[in-house]
PDB file of N, CA and C in Angstrom:
ATOM      1  N   UNK A   1      93.881  83.083  97.010  1.00  0.00           N
ATOM      2  CA  UNK A   1      92.647  83.146  96.272  1.00  0.00           C
ATOM      3  C   UNK A   1      92.852  82.685  94.838  1.00  0.00           C
ATOM      4  N   UNK A   2      93.976  83.061  94.272  1.00  0.00           N
ATOM      5  CA  UNK A   2      94.232  82.619  92.907  1.00  0.00           C
ATOM      6  C   UNK A   2      94.258  81.096  92.841  1.00  0.00           C
ATOM      7  N   UNK A   3      94.838  80.476  93.861  1.00  0.00           N
ATOM      8  CA  UNK A   3      94.879  79.023  93.897  1.00  0.00           C
ATOM      9  C   UNK A   3      93.473  78.447  93.979  1.00  0.00           C
ATOM     10  N   UNK A   4      92.601  79.072  94.757  1.00  0.00           N
ATOM     11  CA  UNK A   4      91.223  78.586  94.883  1.00  0.00           C
ATOM     12  C   UNK A   4      90.517  78.630  93.538  1.00  0.00           C
ATOM     13  N   UNK A   5      90.722  79.679  92.787  1.00  0.00           N
ATOM     14  CA  UNK A   5      90.083  79.791  91.474  1.00  0.00           C
ATOM     15  C   UNK A   5      90.615  78.706  90.543  1.00  0.00           C
ATOM     16  N   UNK A   6      91.905  78.455  90.615  1.00  0.00           N
ATOM     17  CA  UNK A   6      92.514  77.467  89.732  1.00  0.00           C
ATOM     18  C   UNK A   6      92.205  76.031  90.152  1.00  0.00           C
ATOM     19  N   UNK A   7      92.101  75.776  91.459  1.00  0.00           N
ATOM     20  CA  UNK A   7      91.987  74.413  91.951  1.00  0.00           C
ATOM     21  C   UNK A   7      90.570  73.955  92.258  1.00  0.00           C
ATOM     22  N   UNK A   8      89.670  74.871  92.601  1.00  0.00           N
ATOM     23  CA  UNK A   8      88.319  74.492  93.014  1.00  0.00           C
ATOM     24  C   UNK A   8      87.327  74.715  91.884  1.00  0.00           C
ATOM     25  N   UNK A   9      86.315  73.871  91.847  1.00  0.00           N
ATOM     26  CA  UNK A   9      85.242  74.069  90.875  1.00  0.00           C
ATOM     27  C   UNK A   9      84.325  75.183  91.367  1.00  0.00           C
ATOM     28  N   UNK A  10      83.450  75.659  90.501  1.00  0.00           N
ATOM     29  CA  UNK A  10      82.486  76.680  90.901  1.00  0.00           C
ATOM     30  C   UNK A  10      81.640  76.200  92.068  1.00  0.00           C
ATOM     31  N   UNK A  11      81.227  74.942  92.021  1.00  0.00           N
ATOM     32  CA  UNK A  11      80.394  74.381  93.091  1.00  0.00           C
ATOM     33  C   UNK A  11      81.147  74.342  94.420  1.00  0.00           C
ATOM     34  N   UNK A  12      82.427  73.970  94.366  1.00  0.00           N
ATOM     35  CA  UNK A  12      83.223  73.929  95.591  1.00  0.00           C
ATOM     36  C   UNK A  12      83.403  75.330  96.171  1.00  0.00           C
ATOM     37  N   UNK A  13      83.605  76.293  95.318  1.00  0.00           N
ATOM     38  CA  UNK A  13      83.728  77.680  95.790  1.00  0.00           C
ATOM     39  C   UNK A  13      82.425  78.127  96.415  1.00  0.00           C
ATOM     40  N   UNK A  14      81.301  77.821  95.784  1.00  0.00           N
ATOM     41  CA  UNK A  14      80.007  78.233  96.319  1.00  0.00           C
ATOM     42  C   UNK A  14      79.702  77.534  97.648  1.00  0.00           C
ATOM     43  N   UNK A  15      80.237  76.335  97.863  1.00  0.00           N
ATOM     44  CA  UNK A  15      80.081  75.634  99.148  1.00  0.00           C
ATOM     45  C   UNK A  15      81.089  76.140 100.177  1.00  0.00           C
ATOM     46  N   UNK A  16      81.932  77.067  99.788  1.00  0.00           N
ATOM     47  CA  UNK A  16      82.938  77.691 100.651  1.00  0.00           C
ATOM     48  C   UNK A  16      83.998  76.700 101.119  1.00  0.00           C
ATOM     49  N   UNK A  17      84.349  75.756 100.255  1.00  0.00           N
ATOM     50  CA  UNK A  17      85.423  74.837 100.614  1.00  0.00           C
ATOM     51  C   UNK A  17      86.720  75.619 100.762  1.00  0.00           C
ATOM     52  N   UNK A  18      87.493  75.222 101.734  1.00  0.00           N
ATOM     53  CA  UNK A  18      88.768  75.895 102.048  1.00  0.00           C
ATOM     54  C   UNK A  18      88.574  77.382 102.335  1.00  0.00           C
ATOM     55  N   UNK A  19      87.358  77.746 102.738  1.00  0.00           N
ATOM     56  CA  UNK A  19      87.015  79.144 103.058  1.00  0.00           C
ATOM     57  C   UNK A  19      87.256  80.086 101.877  1.00  0.00           C
ATOM     58  N   UNK A  20      87.099  79.581 100.667  1.00  0.00           N
ATOM     59  CA  UNK A  20      87.336  80.396  99.474  1.00  0.00           C
ATOM     60  C   UNK A  20      86.378  81.576  99.404  1.00  0.00           C
ATOM     61  N   UNK A  21      85.078  81.339  99.607  1.00  0.00           N
ATOM     62  CA  UNK A  21      84.112  82.444  99.536  1.00  0.00           C
ATOM     63  C   UNK A  21      84.400  83.478 100.612  1.00  0.00           C
ATOM     64  N   UNK A  22      84.790  83.008 101.770  1.00  0.00           N
ATOM     65  CA  UNK A  22      85.124  83.940 102.852  1.00  0.00           C
ATOM     66  C   UNK A  22      86.290  84.845 102.437  1.00  0.00           C
ATOM     67  N   UNK A  23      87.299  84.266 101.827  1.00  0.00           N
ATOM     68  CA  UNK A  23      88.449  85.053 101.368  1.00  0.00           C
ATOM     69  C   UNK A  23      88.026  86.044 100.287  1.00  0.00           C
ATOM     70  N   UNK A  24      87.171  85.614  99.353  1.00  0.00           N
ATOM     71  CA  UNK A  24      86.695  86.523  98.309  1.00  0.00           C
ATOM     72  C   UNK A  24      85.912  87.678  98.923  1.00  0.00           C
ATOM     73  N   UNK A  25      85.092  87.354  99.919  1.00  0.00           N
ATOM     74  CA  UNK A  25      84.302  88.401 100.579  1.00  0.00           C
ATOM     75  C   UNK A  25      85.210  89.423 101.255  1.00  0.00           C
ATOM     76  N   UNK A  26      86.251  88.953 101.932  1.00  0.00           N
ATOM     77  CA  UNK A  26      87.154  89.872 102.623  1.00  0.00           C
ATOM     78  C   UNK A  26      87.822  90.835 101.650  1.00  0.00           C
ATOM     79  N   UNK A  27      88.205  90.335 100.486  1.00  0.00           N
ATOM     80  CA  UNK A  27      88.828  91.206  99.486  1.00  0.00           C
ATOM     81  C   UNK A  27      87.819  92.218  98.977  1.00  0.00           C
ATOM     82  N   UNK A  28      86.600  91.790  98.698  1.00  0.00           N
ATOM     83  CA  UNK A  28      85.582  92.678  98.163  1.00  0.00           C
ATOM     84  C   UNK A  28      84.947  93.585  99.195  1.00  0.00           C
ATOM     85  N   UNK A  29      85.184  93.317 100.478  1.00  0.00           N
ATOM     86  CA  UNK A  29      84.518  94.073 101.531  1.00  0.00           C
ATOM     87  C   UNK A  29      85.209  95.392 101.849  1.00  0.00           C
ATOM     88  N   UNK A  30      86.390  95.634 101.303  1.00  0.00           N
ATOM     89  CA  UNK A  30      87.077  96.888 101.572  1.00  0.00           C
ATOM     90  C   UNK A  30      86.180  98.023 101.124  1.00  0.00           C
ATOM     91  N   UNK A  31      85.962  98.950 102.002  1.00  0.00           N
ATOM     92  CA  UNK A  31      85.099 100.082 101.680  1.00  0.00           C
ATOM     93  C   UNK A  31      85.768 101.342 102.199  1.00  0.00           C
ATOM     94  N   UNK A  32      85.780 102.308 101.412  1.00  0.00           N
ATOM     95  CA  UNK A  32      86.373 103.567 101.823  1.00  0.00           C
ATOM     96  C   UNK A  32      86.577 104.446 100.616  1.00  0.00           C
ATOM     97  N   UNK A  33      87.018 105.643 100.832  1.00  0.00           N
ATOM     98  CA  UNK A  33      87.203 106.560  99.703  1.00  0.00           C
ATOM     99  C   UNK A  33      88.357 106.113  98.822  1.00  0.00           C
ATOM    100  N   UNK A  34      88.273 106.475  97.568  1.00  0.00           N
ATOM    101  CA  UNK A  34      89.367 106.165  96.652  1.00  0.00           C
ATOM    102  C   UNK A  34      90.396 107.281  96.635  1.00  0.00           C
ATOM    103  N   UNK A  35      90.191 108.299  97.433  1.00  0.00           N
ATOM    104  CA  UNK A  35      91.122 109.426  97.527  1.00  0.00           C
ATOM    105  C   UNK A  35      91.957 109.237  98.783  1.00  0.00           C
ATOM    106  N   UNK A  36      93.275 109.320  98.628  1.00  0.00           N
ATOM    107  CA  UNK A  36      94.163 109.109  99.756  1.00  0.00           C
ATOM    108  C   UNK A  36      95.001 110.336 100.093  1.00  0.00           C
ATOM    109  N   UNK A  37      94.952 111.365  99.245  1.00  0.00           N
ATOM    110  CA  UNK A  37      95.674 112.605  99.512  1.00  0.00           C
ATOM    111  C   UNK A  37      94.672 113.750  99.575  1.00  0.00           C
ATOM    112  N   UNK A  38      94.880 114.626 100.558  1.00  0.00           N
ATOM    113  CA  UNK A  38      93.959 115.738 100.762  1.00  0.00           C
ATOM    114  C   UNK A  38      94.739 117.033 100.914  1.00  0.00           C
ATOM    115  N   UNK A  39      94.086 118.135 100.582  1.00  0.00           N
ATOM    116  CA  UNK A  39      94.689 119.456 100.784  1.00  0.00           C
ATOM    117  C   UNK A  39      94.538 119.850 102.241  1.00  0.00           C
ATOM    118  N   UNK A  40      95.115 120.991 102.585  1.00  0.00           N
ATOM    119  CA  UNK A  40      94.994 121.490 103.957  1.00  0.00           C
ATOM    120  C   UNK A  40      93.548 121.826 104.326  1.00  0.00           C
ATOM    121  N   UNK A  41      92.695 121.952 103.330  1.00  0.00           N
ATOM    122  CA  UNK A  41      91.288 122.280 103.572  1.00  0.00           C
ATOM    123  C   UNK A  41      90.403 121.036 103.587  1.00  0.00           C
ATOM    124  N   UNK A  42      91.010 119.860 103.424  1.00  0.00           N
ATOM    125  CA  UNK A  42      90.261 118.619 103.476  1.00  0.00           C
ATOM    126  C   UNK A  42      89.612 118.205 102.173  1.00  0.00           C
ATOM    127  N   UNK A  43      89.948 118.878 101.085  1.00  0.00           N
ATOM    128  CA  UNK A  43      89.414 118.460  99.786  1.00  0.00           C
ATOM    129  C   UNK A  43      90.379 117.471  99.147  1.00  0.00           C
ATOM    130  N   UNK A  44      89.848 116.512  98.459  1.00  0.00           N
ATOM    131  CA  UNK A  44      90.661 115.456  97.877  1.00  0.00           C
ATOM    132  C   UNK A  44      91.484 115.926  96.692  1.00  0.00           C
ATOM    133  N   UNK A  45      92.699 115.420  96.603  1.00  0.00           N
ATOM    134  CA  UNK A  45      93.553 115.636  95.430  1.00  0.00           C
ATOM    135  C   UNK A  45      93.210 114.503  94.479  1.00  0.00           C
ATOM    136  N   UNK A  46      92.542 114.830  93.389  1.00  0.00           N
ATOM    137  CA  UNK A  46      91.935 113.805  92.555  1.00  0.00           C
ATOM    138  C   UNK A  46      92.745 113.409  91.325  1.00  0.00           C
ATOM    139  N   UNK A  47      93.744 114.183  90.951  1.00  0.00           N
ATOM    140  CA  UNK A  47      94.523 113.810  89.768  1.00  0.00           C
ATOM    141  C   UNK A  47      95.923 114.395  89.866  1.00  0.00           C
ATOM    142  N   UNK A  48      96.814 113.878  89.049  1.00  0.00           N
ATOM    143  CA  UNK A  48      98.229 114.248  89.108  1.00  0.00           C
ATOM    144  C   UNK A  48      98.455 115.742  88.834  1.00  0.00           C
ATOM    145  N   UNK A  49      97.685 116.327  87.928  1.00  0.00           N
ATOM    146  CA  UNK A  49      97.845 117.749  87.629  1.00  0.00           C
ATOM    147  C   UNK A  49      97.593 118.615  88.854  1.00  0.00           C
ATOM    148  N   UNK A  50      96.570 118.272  89.611  1.00  0.00           N
ATOM    149  CA  UNK A  50      96.266 119.018  90.839  1.00  0.00           C
ATOM    150  C   UNK A  50      97.398 118.855  91.848  1.00  0.00           C
ATOM    151  N   UNK A  51      97.927 117.658  91.980  1.00  0.00           N
ATOM    152  CA  UNK A  51      99.047 117.427  92.894  1.00  0.00           C
ATOM    153  C   UNK A  51     100.267 118.224  92.455  1.00  0.00           C
ATOM    154  N   UNK A  52     100.568 118.226  91.171  1.00  0.00           N
ATOM    155  CA  UNK A  52     101.718 118.981  90.667  1.00  0.00           C
ATOM    156  C   UNK A  52     101.578 120.470  90.957  1.00  0.00           C
ATOM    157  N   UNK A  53     100.376 121.019  90.784  1.00  0.00           N
ATOM    158  CA  UNK A  53     100.157 122.447  91.080  1.00  0.00           C
ATOM    159  C   UNK A  53     100.401 122.737  92.558  1.00  0.00           C
ATOM    160  N   UNK A  54      99.928 121.860  93.426  1.00  0.00           N
ATOM    161  CA  UNK A  54     100.150 122.064  94.865  1.00  0.00           C
ATOM    162  C   UNK A  54     101.631 121.965  95.212  1.00  0.00           C
ATOM    163  N   UNK A  55     102.332 121.028  94.616  1.00  0.00           N
ATOM    164  CA  UNK A  55     103.765 120.879  94.881  1.00  0.00           C
ATOM    165  C   UNK A  55     104.551 122.079  94.383  1.00  0.00           C
ATOM    166  N   UNK A  56     104.169 122.637  93.242  1.00  0.00           N
ATOM    167  CA  UNK A  56     104.856 123.808  92.690  1.00  0.00           C
ATOM    168  C   UNK A  56     104.559 125.078  93.477  1.00  0.00           C
ATOM    169  N   UNK A  57     103.375 125.155  94.080  1.00  0.00           N
ATOM    170  CA  UNK A  57     102.948 126.376  94.762  1.00  0.00           C
ATOM    171  C   UNK A  57     103.485 126.498  96.181  1.00  0.00           C
ATOM    172  N   UNK A  58     104.028 125.456  96.741  1.00  0.00           N
ATOM    173  CA  UNK A  58     104.440 125.505  98.139  1.00  0.00           C
ATOM    174  C   UNK A  58     105.855 124.965  98.291  1.00  0.00           C
ATOM    175  N   UNK A  59     106.598 125.623  99.178  1.00  0.00           N
ATOM    176  CA  UNK A  59     107.931 125.140  99.484  1.00  0.00           C
ATOM    177  C   UNK A  59     107.919 124.202 100.678  1.00  0.00           C
ATOM    178  N   UNK A  60     106.868 124.253 101.470  1.00  0.00           N
ATOM    179  CA  UNK A  60     106.793 123.424 102.668  1.00  0.00           C
ATOM    180  C   UNK A  60     105.457 122.703 102.708  1.00  0.00           C
ATOM    181  N   UNK A  61     105.506 121.384 102.662  1.00  0.00           N
ATOM    182  CA  UNK A  61     104.306 120.567 102.735  1.00  0.00           C
ATOM    183  C   UNK A  61     104.440 119.565 103.865  1.00  0.00           C
ATOM    184  N   UNK A  62     103.319 119.136 104.396  1.00  0.00           N
ATOM    185  CA  UNK A  62     103.306 118.143 105.460  1.00  0.00           C
ATOM    186  C   UNK A  62     102.606 116.890 104.964  1.00  0.00           C
ATOM    187  N   UNK A  63     103.146 115.758 105.307  1.00  0.00           N
ATOM    188  CA  UNK A  63     102.470 114.487 105.100  1.00  0.00           C
ATOM    189  C   UNK A  63     102.129 113.952 106.481  1.00  0.00           C
ATOM    190  N   UNK A  64     100.849 113.755 106.720  1.00  0.00           N
ATOM    191  CA  UNK A  64     100.373 113.281 108.021  1.00  0.00           C
ATOM    192  C   UNK A  64      99.784 111.899 107.836  1.00  0.00           C
ATOM    193  N   UNK A  65     100.436 110.860 108.354  1.00  0.00           N
ATOM    194  CA  UNK A  65      99.864 109.520 108.230  1.00  0.00           C
ATOM    195  C   UNK A  65      98.655 109.371 109.143  1.00  0.00           C
ATOM    196  N   UNK A  66      97.661 108.679 108.659  1.00  0.00           N
ATOM    197  CA  UNK A  66      96.457 108.460 109.446  1.00  0.00           C
ATOM    198  C   UNK A  66      95.897 107.084 109.107  1.00  0.00           C
ATOM    199  N   UNK A  67      95.282 106.487 110.100  1.00  0.00           N
ATOM    200  CA  UNK A  67      94.627 105.194 109.917  1.00  0.00           C
ATOM    201  C   UNK A  67      93.243 105.329 110.537  1.00  0.00           C
ATOM    202  N   UNK A  68      92.231 105.380 109.688  1.00  0.00           N
ATOM    203  CA  UNK A  68      90.865 105.609 110.176  1.00  0.00           C
ATOM    204  C   UNK A  68      90.030 104.368 109.913  1.00  0.00           C
ATOM    205  N   UNK A  69      89.331 103.926 110.917  1.00  0.00           N
ATOM    206  CA  UNK A  69      88.409 102.793 110.791  1.00  0.00           C
ATOM    207  C   UNK A  69      87.006 103.275 111.103  1.00  0.00           C
ATOM    208  N   UNK A  70      86.060 102.869 110.281  1.00  0.00           N
ATOM    209  CA  UNK A  70      84.677 103.265 110.555  1.00  0.00           C
ATOM    210  C   UNK A  70      83.765 102.110 110.321  1.00  0.00           C
TER     211      UNK A  70
END
């Protein structure tokens, strides 16, 4: 995409030459929450201070990988 911005004119991008607009759309189309860590109760861990408190309060934590598509 960086190459498309550097090499193509605005008009060429708008005409979707080299599928530039399609690539831009794919990057911008990501949709989902900005929170990636959750507590055991399903509430989002929103900042480092909250994460530090949880890490200090527990000796045993679980990390569960998940891949959700909607």
